[in-house]
PDB file of N, CA and C in Angstrom:
ATOM      1  N   MET A   1     169.751-219.538 182.161  1.00  0.00           N
ATOM      2  CA  MET A   1     171.003-219.061 182.871  1.00  0.00           C
ATOM      3  C   MET A   1     170.603-217.868 183.695  1.00  0.00           C
ATOM      4  N   ASP A   2     170.860-217.721 184.986  1.00  0.00           N
ATOM      5  CA  ASP A   2     170.453-216.667 185.660  1.00  0.00           C
ATOM      6  C   ASP A   2     171.589-215.528 185.633  1.00  0.00           C
ATOM      7  N   GLU A   3     171.316-214.280 186.113  1.00  0.00           N
ATOM      8  CA  GLU A   3     172.166-213.326 185.917  1.00  0.00           C
ATOM      9  C   GLU A   3     173.495-213.570 186.689  1.00  0.00           C
ATOM     10  N   ASP A   4     173.574-214.117 187.805  1.00  0.00           N
ATOM     11  CA  ASP A   4     174.773-214.309 188.507  1.00  0.00           C
ATOM     12  C   ASP A   4     175.709-215.391 187.799  1.00  0.00           C
ATOM     13  N   THR A   5     175.038-216.430 187.235  1.00  0.00           N
ATOM     14  CA  THR A   5     175.751-217.357 186.409  1.00  0.00           C
ATOM     15  C   THR A   5     176.338-216.807 185.300  1.00  0.00           C
ATOM     16  N   GLU A   6     175.685-215.915 184.438  1.00  0.00           N
ATOM     17  CA  GLU A   6     176.072-215.153 183.301  1.00  0.00           C
ATOM     18  C   GLU A   6     177.294-214.347 183.713  1.00  0.00           C
ATOM     19  N   ALA A   7     177.173-213.621 184.703  1.00  0.00           N
ATOM     20  CA  ALA A   7     178.223-212.676 185.127  1.00  0.00           C
ATOM     21  C   ALA A   7     179.566-213.497 185.524  1.00  0.00           C
ATOM     22  N   ARG A   8     179.343-214.635 186.178  1.00  0.00           N
ATOM     23  CA  ARG A   8     180.595-215.377 186.532  1.00  0.00           C
ATOM     24  C   ARG A   8     181.099-216.046 185.220  1.00  0.00           C
ATOM     25  N   ALA A   9     180.257-216.386 184.199  1.00  0.00           N
ATOM     26  CA  ALA A   9     180.824-217.092 183.037  1.00  0.00           C
ATOM     27  C   ALA A   9     181.503-215.879 182.247  1.00  0.00           C
ATOM     28  N   ALA A  10     181.038-214.768 182.295  1.00  0.00           N
ATOM     29  CA  ALA A  10     181.644-213.593 181.571  1.00  0.00           C
ATOM     30  C   ALA A  10     183.040-213.260 182.100  1.00  0.00           C
ATOM     31  N   GLY A  11     183.103-213.368 183.492  1.00  0.00           N
ATOM     32  CA  GLY A  11     184.311-213.118 184.204  1.00  0.00           C
ATOM     33  C   GLY A  11     185.315-214.188 183.945  1.00  0.00           C
ATOM     34  N   GLU A  12     184.791-215.474 183.816  1.00  0.00           N
ATOM     35  CA  GLU A  12     185.642-216.506 183.360  1.00  0.00           C
ATOM     36  C   GLU A  12     186.330-216.473 182.021  1.00  0.00           C
ATOM     37  N   ASP A  13     185.654-215.957 181.057  1.00  0.00           N
ATOM     38  CA  ASP A  13     186.032-215.699 179.799  1.00  0.00           C
ATOM     39  C   ASP A  13     186.992-214.541 179.507  1.00  0.00           C
ATOM     40  N   ARG A  14     187.034-213.637 180.563  1.00  0.00           N
ATOM     41  CA  ARG A  14     187.681-212.362 180.343  1.00  0.00           C
ATOM     42  C   ARG A  14     189.109-212.692 179.775  1.00  0.00           C
ATOM     43  N   HIS A  15     189.766-213.656 180.212  1.00  0.00           N
ATOM     44  CA  HIS A  15     191.251-213.867 179.865  1.00  0.00           C
ATOM     45  C   HIS A  15     191.397-214.189 178.387  1.00  0.00           C
ATOM     46  N   LEU A  16     190.224-214.405 177.799  1.00  0.00           N
ATOM     47  CA  LEU A  16     190.263-214.784 176.289  1.00  0.00           C
ATOM     48  C   LEU A  16     190.357-213.500 175.442  1.00  0.00           C
ATOM     49  N   THR A  17     190.013-212.282 176.238  1.00  0.00           N
ATOM     50  CA  THR A  17     190.076-210.958 175.389  1.00  0.00           C
ATOM     51  C   THR A  17     191.253-210.280 175.629  1.00  0.00           C
ATOM     52  N   THR A  18     192.304-210.849 176.305  1.00  0.00           N
ATOM     53  CA  THR A  18     193.644-210.190 176.423  1.00  0.00           C
ATOM     54  C   THR A  18     194.449-210.447 175.306  1.00  0.00           C
ATOM     55  N   PRO A  19     195.469-209.629 175.030  1.00  0.00           N
ATOM     56  CA  PRO A  19     196.384-209.924 173.953  1.00  0.00           C
ATOM     57  C   PRO A  19     196.867-211.599 173.979  1.00  0.00           C
ATOM     58  N   SER A  20     197.289-211.884 175.115  1.00  0.00           N
ATOM     59  CA  SER A  20     197.881-213.228 174.996  1.00  0.00           C
ATOM     60  C   SER A  20     196.736-214.295 174.809  1.00  0.00           C
ATOM     61  N   GLY A  21     195.456-214.025 175.264  1.00  0.00           N
ATOM     62  CA  GLY A  21     194.420-214.927 175.144  1.00  0.00           C
ATOM     63  C   GLY A  21     193.989-215.010 173.661  1.00  0.00           C
ATOM     64  N   LEU A  22     193.917-213.796 173.043  1.00  0.00           N
ATOM     65  CA  LEU A  22     193.565-213.751 171.608  1.00  0.00           C
ATOM     66  C   LEU A  22     194.668-214.522 170.773  1.00  0.00           C
ATOM     67  N   ALA A  23     196.037-214.185 171.141  1.00  0.00           N
ATOM     68  CA  ALA A  23     197.137-214.913 170.437  1.00  0.00           C
ATOM     69  C   ALA A  23     197.005-216.469 170.573  1.00  0.00           C
ATOM     70  N   PHE A  24     196.732-216.854 171.781  1.00  0.00           N
ATOM     71  CA  PHE A  24     196.656-218.283 172.079  1.00  0.00           C
ATOM     72  C   PHE A  24     195.389-218.963 171.262  1.00  0.00           C
ATOM     73  N   LYS A  25     194.321-218.223 171.150  1.00  0.00           N
ATOM     74  CA  LYS A  25     193.068-218.605 170.445  1.00  0.00           C
ATOM     75  C   LYS A  25     193.433-218.821 168.956  1.00  0.00           C
ATOM     76  N   ALA A  26     194.227-217.764 168.499  1.00  0.00           N
ATOM     77  CA  ALA A  26     194.667-217.827 166.981  1.00  0.00           C
ATOM     78  C   ALA A  26     195.643-218.995 166.747  1.00  0.00           C
ATOM     79  N   LEU A  27     196.517-219.376 167.826  1.00  0.00           N
ATOM     80  CA  LEU A  27     197.314-220.441 167.744  1.00  0.00           C
ATOM     81  C   LEU A  27     196.598-221.794 167.598  1.00  0.00           C
ATOM     82  N   LEU A  28     195.563-221.960 168.561  1.00  0.00           N
ATOM     83  CA  LEU A  28     194.777-223.070 168.475  1.00  0.00           C
ATOM     84  C   LEU A  28     194.003-223.290 167.210  1.00  0.00           C
ATOM     85  N   GLU A  29     193.447-222.216 166.757  1.00  0.00           N
ATOM     86  CA  GLU A  29     192.601-222.277 165.369  1.00  0.00           C
ATOM     87  C   GLU A  29     193.583-222.712 164.268  1.00  0.00           C
ATOM     88  N   HIS A  30     194.796-222.137 164.332  1.00  0.00           N
ATOM     89  CA  HIS A  30     195.810-222.442 163.229  1.00  0.00           C
ATOM     90  C   HIS A  30     196.154-223.920 163.347  1.00  0.00           C
ATOM     91  N   THR A  31     196.618-224.390 164.436  1.00  0.00           N
ATOM     92  CA  THR A  31     197.233-225.704 164.683  1.00  0.00           C
ATOM     93  C   THR A  31     196.157-226.653 164.370  1.00  0.00           C
ATOM     94  N   GLN A  32     194.805-226.460 164.525  1.00  0.00           N
ATOM     95  CA  GLN A  32     193.818-227.501 164.312  1.00  0.00           C
ATOM     96  C   GLN A  32     193.572-227.744 162.760  1.00  0.00           C
ATOM     97  N   GLY A  33     194.057-226.815 162.000  1.00  0.00           N
ATOM     98  CA  GLY A  33     194.004-227.034 160.556  1.00  0.00           C
ATOM     99  C   GLY A  33     195.265-227.089 159.757  1.00  0.00           C
ATOM    100  N   CYS A  34     196.282-227.004 160.421  1.00  0.00           N
ATOM    101  CA  CYS A  34     197.625-226.991 159.794  1.00  0.00           C
ATOM    102  C   CYS A  34     198.290-228.347 159.791  1.00  0.00           C
ATOM    103  N   GLU A  35     198.425-228.923 158.671  1.00  0.00           N
ATOM    104  CA  GLU A  35     199.104-230.350 158.452  1.00  0.00           C
ATOM    105  C   GLU A  35     200.523-230.272 159.024  1.00  0.00           C
ATOM    106  N   GLN A  36     201.206-229.212 158.652  1.00  0.00           N
ATOM    107  CA  GLN A  36     202.575-229.026 158.960  1.00  0.00           C
ATOM    108  C   GLN A  36     202.650-229.071 160.504  1.00  0.00           C
ATOM    109  N   CYS A  37     201.868-228.259 161.126  1.00  0.00           N
ATOM    110  CA  CYS A  37     201.914-228.338 162.670  1.00  0.00           C
ATOM    111  C   CYS A  37     201.691-229.554 163.264  1.00  0.00           C
ATOM    112  N   THR A  38     200.701-230.402 162.614  1.00  0.00           N
ATOM    113  CA  THR A  38     200.471-231.717 163.141  1.00  0.00           C
ATOM    114  C   THR A  38     201.643-232.697 162.905  1.00  0.00           C
ATOM    115  N   ASP A  39     202.243-232.638 161.780  1.00  0.00           N
ATOM    116  CA  ASP A  39     203.489-233.381 161.555  1.00  0.00           C
ATOM    117  C   ASP A  39     204.793-232.939 162.189  1.00  0.00           C
ATOM    118  N   ASP A  40     205.239-231.808 162.168  1.00  0.00           N
ATOM    119  CA  ASP A  40     206.300-231.130 162.776  1.00  0.00           C
ATOM    120  C   ASP A  40     206.154-229.675 163.062  1.00  0.00           C
ATOM    121  N   PRO A  41     205.697-229.315 164.210  1.00  0.00           N
ATOM    122  CA  PRO A  41     205.427-227.825 164.572  1.00  0.00           C
ATOM    123  C   PRO A  41     206.677-226.924 164.423  1.00  0.00           C
ATOM    124  N   THR A  42     207.808-227.487 164.513  1.00  0.00           N
ATOM    125  CA  THR A  42     209.050-226.528 164.332  1.00  0.00           C
ATOM    126  C   THR A  42     209.243-226.148 162.853  1.00  0.00           C
ATOM    127  N   GLU A  43     208.530-226.866 161.971  1.00  0.00           N
ATOM    128  CA  GLU A  43     208.644-226.538 160.625  1.00  0.00           C
ATOM    129  C   GLU A  43     207.759-225.560 160.069  1.00  0.00           C
ATOM    130  N   CYS A  44     206.735-225.182 160.897  1.00  0.00           N
ATOM    131  CA  CYS A  44     205.691-224.148 160.486  1.00  0.00           C
ATOM    132  C   CYS A  44     205.924-222.761 160.877  1.00  0.00           C
ATOM    133  N   GLY A  45     206.268-221.833 160.068  1.00  0.00           N
ATOM    134  CA  GLY A  45     206.565-220.457 160.281  1.00  0.00           C
ATOM    135  C   GLY A  45     205.470-219.940 161.023  1.00  0.00           C
ATOM    136  N   THR A  46     204.222-220.104 160.628  1.00  0.00           N
ATOM    137  CA  THR A  46     203.029-219.413 161.113  1.00  0.00           C
ATOM    138  C   THR A  46     202.943-219.788 162.613  1.00  0.00           C
ATOM    139  N   GLY A  47     202.974-221.121 162.770  1.00  0.00           N
ATOM    140  CA  GLY A  47     202.713-221.739 164.158  1.00  0.00           C
ATOM    141  C   GLY A  47     203.860-221.101 165.006  1.00  0.00           C
ATOM    142  N   ARG A  48     205.120-221.213 164.583  1.00  0.00           N
ATOM    143  CA  ARG A  48     206.305-220.620 165.467  1.00  0.00           C
ATOM    144  C   ARG A  48     206.000-219.095 165.688  1.00  0.00           C
ATOM    145  N   ALA A  49     205.562-218.411 164.871  1.00  0.00           N
ATOM    146  CA  ALA A  49     205.352-216.894 165.093  1.00  0.00           C
ATOM    147  C   ALA A  49     204.143-216.698 166.102  1.00  0.00           C
ATOM    148  N   LEU A  50     203.168-217.526 165.985  1.00  0.00           N
ATOM    149  CA  LEU A  50     202.008-217.566 166.927  1.00  0.00           C
ATOM    150  C   LEU A  50     202.576-217.793 168.313  1.00  0.00           C
ATOM    151  N   VAL A  51     203.378-218.982 168.486  1.00  0.00           N
ATOM    152  CA  VAL A  51     203.914-219.318 169.857  1.00  0.00           C
ATOM    153  C   VAL A  51     204.747-218.130 170.316  1.00  0.00           C
ATOM    154  N   ARG A  52     205.683-217.583 169.576  1.00  0.00           N
ATOM    155  CA  ARG A  52     206.411-216.227 169.973  1.00  0.00           C
ATOM    156  C   ARG A  52     205.479-215.229 170.369  1.00  0.00           C
ATOM    157  N   THR A  53     204.343-215.031 169.620  1.00  0.00           N
ATOM    158  CA  THR A  53     203.340-213.926 169.898  1.00  0.00           C
ATOM    159  C   THR A  53     202.772-214.138 171.391  1.00  0.00           C
ATOM    160  N   VAL A  54     202.268-215.475 171.596  1.00  0.00           N
ATOM    161  CA  VAL A  54     201.696-215.788 172.818  1.00  0.00           C
ATOM    162  C   VAL A  54     202.715-215.580 173.958  1.00  0.00           C
ATOM    163  N   ARG A  55     203.943-215.981 173.831  1.00  0.00           N
ATOM    164  CA  ARG A  55     204.926-215.768 174.970  1.00  0.00           C
ATOM    165  C   ARG A  55     205.189-214.274 175.165  1.00  0.00           C
ATOM    166  N   GLU A  56     205.298-213.676 174.065  1.00  0.00           N
ATOM    167  CA  GLU A  56     205.673-212.150 174.185  1.00  0.00           C
ATOM    168  C   GLU A  56     204.515-211.448 174.992  1.00  0.00           C
ATOM    169  N   ALA A  57     203.220-211.625 174.590  1.00  0.00           N
ATOM    170  CA  ALA A  57     202.147-210.997 175.133  1.00  0.00           C
ATOM    171  C   ALA A  57     202.072-211.477 176.535  1.00  0.00           C
ATOM    172  N   ARG A  58     202.295-212.592 176.943  1.00  0.00           N
ATOM    173  CA  ARG A  58     202.127-213.114 178.332  1.00  0.00           C
ATOM    174  C   ARG A  58     203.258-212.321 179.153  1.00  0.00           C
ATOM    175  N   ARG A  59     204.472-212.266 178.503  1.00  0.00           N
ATOM    176  CA  ARG A  59     205.520-211.461 179.219  1.00  0.00           C
ATOM    177  C   ARG A  59     205.159-210.107 179.497  1.00  0.00           C
ATOM    178  N   VAL A  60     204.681-209.501 178.543  1.00  0.00           N
ATOM    179  CA  VAL A  60     204.265-208.023 178.653  1.00  0.00           C
ATOM    180  C   VAL A  60     203.103-207.815 179.804  1.00  0.00           C
ATOM    181  N   GLU A  61     202.103-208.721 179.716  1.00  0.00           N
ATOM    182  CA  GLU A  61     200.964-208.733 180.643  1.00  0.00           C
ATOM    183  C   GLU A  61     201.559-208.941 182.037  1.00  0.00           C
ATOM    184  N   SER A  62     202.440-209.892 182.213  1.00  0.00           N
ATOM    185  CA  SER A  62     202.919-210.110 183.508  1.00  0.00           C
ATOM    186  C   SER A  62     203.753-208.848 183.996  1.00  0.00           C
ATOM    187  N   ALA A  63     204.544-208.270 183.240  1.00  0.00           N
ATOM    188  CA  ALA A  63     205.290-207.148 183.675  1.00  0.00           C
ATOM    189  C   ALA A  63     204.401-205.934 184.039  1.00  0.00           C
ATOM    190  N   ALA A  64     203.488-205.866 183.239  1.00  0.00           N
ATOM    191  CA  ALA A  64     202.284-204.777 183.542  1.00  0.00           C
ATOM    192  C   ALA A  64     201.645-205.009 184.868  1.00  0.00           C
ATOM    193  N   THR A  65     201.274-206.282 185.138  1.00  0.00           N
ATOM    194  CA  THR A  65     200.708-206.631 186.379  1.00  0.00           C
ATOM    195  C   THR A  65     201.577-206.341 187.499  1.00  0.00           C
ATOM    196  N   ALA A  66     202.875-206.741 187.408  1.00  0.00           N
ATOM    197  CA  ALA A  66     203.903-206.432 188.428  1.00  0.00           C
ATOM    198  C   ALA A  66     204.048-204.989 188.732  1.00  0.00           C
ATOM    199  N   ARG A  67     204.018-204.156 187.580  1.00  0.00           N
ATOM    200  CA  ARG A  67     204.010-202.637 187.871  1.00  0.00           C
ATOM    201  C   ARG A  67     202.960-202.128 188.701  1.00  0.00           C
ATOM    202  N   VAL A  68     201.654-202.723 188.376  1.00  0.00           N
ATOM    203  CA  VAL A  68     200.519-202.266 188.902  1.00  0.00           C
ATOM    204  C   VAL A  68     200.535-202.691 190.499  1.00  0.00           C
ATOM    205  N   ARG A  69     200.993-203.825 190.712  1.00  0.00           N
ATOM    206  CA  ARG A  69     201.191-204.219 192.148  1.00  0.00           C
ATOM    207  C   ARG A  69     202.237-203.505 192.936  1.00  0.00           C
ATOM    208  N   ASP A  70     203.293-203.166 192.188  1.00  0.00           N
ATOM    209  CA  ASP A  70     204.324-202.302 192.920  1.00  0.00           C
ATOM    210  C   ASP A  70     203.715-200.882 193.171  1.00  0.00           C
ATOM    211  N   VAL A  71     202.963-200.287 192.354  1.00  0.00           N
ATOM    212  CA  VAL A  71     202.476-198.958 192.520  1.00  0.00           C
ATOM    213  C   VAL A  71     201.297-199.096 193.585  1.00  0.00           C
ATOM    214  N   HIS A  72     200.453-199.987 193.595  1.00  0.00           N
ATOM    215  CA  HIS A  72     199.298-200.031 194.383  1.00  0.00           C
ATOM    216  C   HIS A  72     199.658-200.878 195.797  1.00  0.00           C
ATOM    217  N   GLY A  73     200.846-201.419 195.864  1.00  0.00           N
ATOM    218  CA  GLY A  73     201.249-202.070 197.064  1.00  0.00           C
ATOM    219  C   GLY A  73     200.446-203.183 197.474  1.00  0.00           C
TER     220      GLY A  73
END
């Protein structure tokens, strides 16, 4: 893999290091091994908490991005 391809790949994965990306990754890892999530996701407290965490992190990131846009026009 050449340097340009590596830099592009690193940039494409940057979203996985944000709070919402990390929460989403944790949600995926949890649901893959959770029988309760497979049967009925609404019955798994951990899965529900992770979904709320992903949503909240996305909301906060979106608000922060909007503030930056407002400041920098």
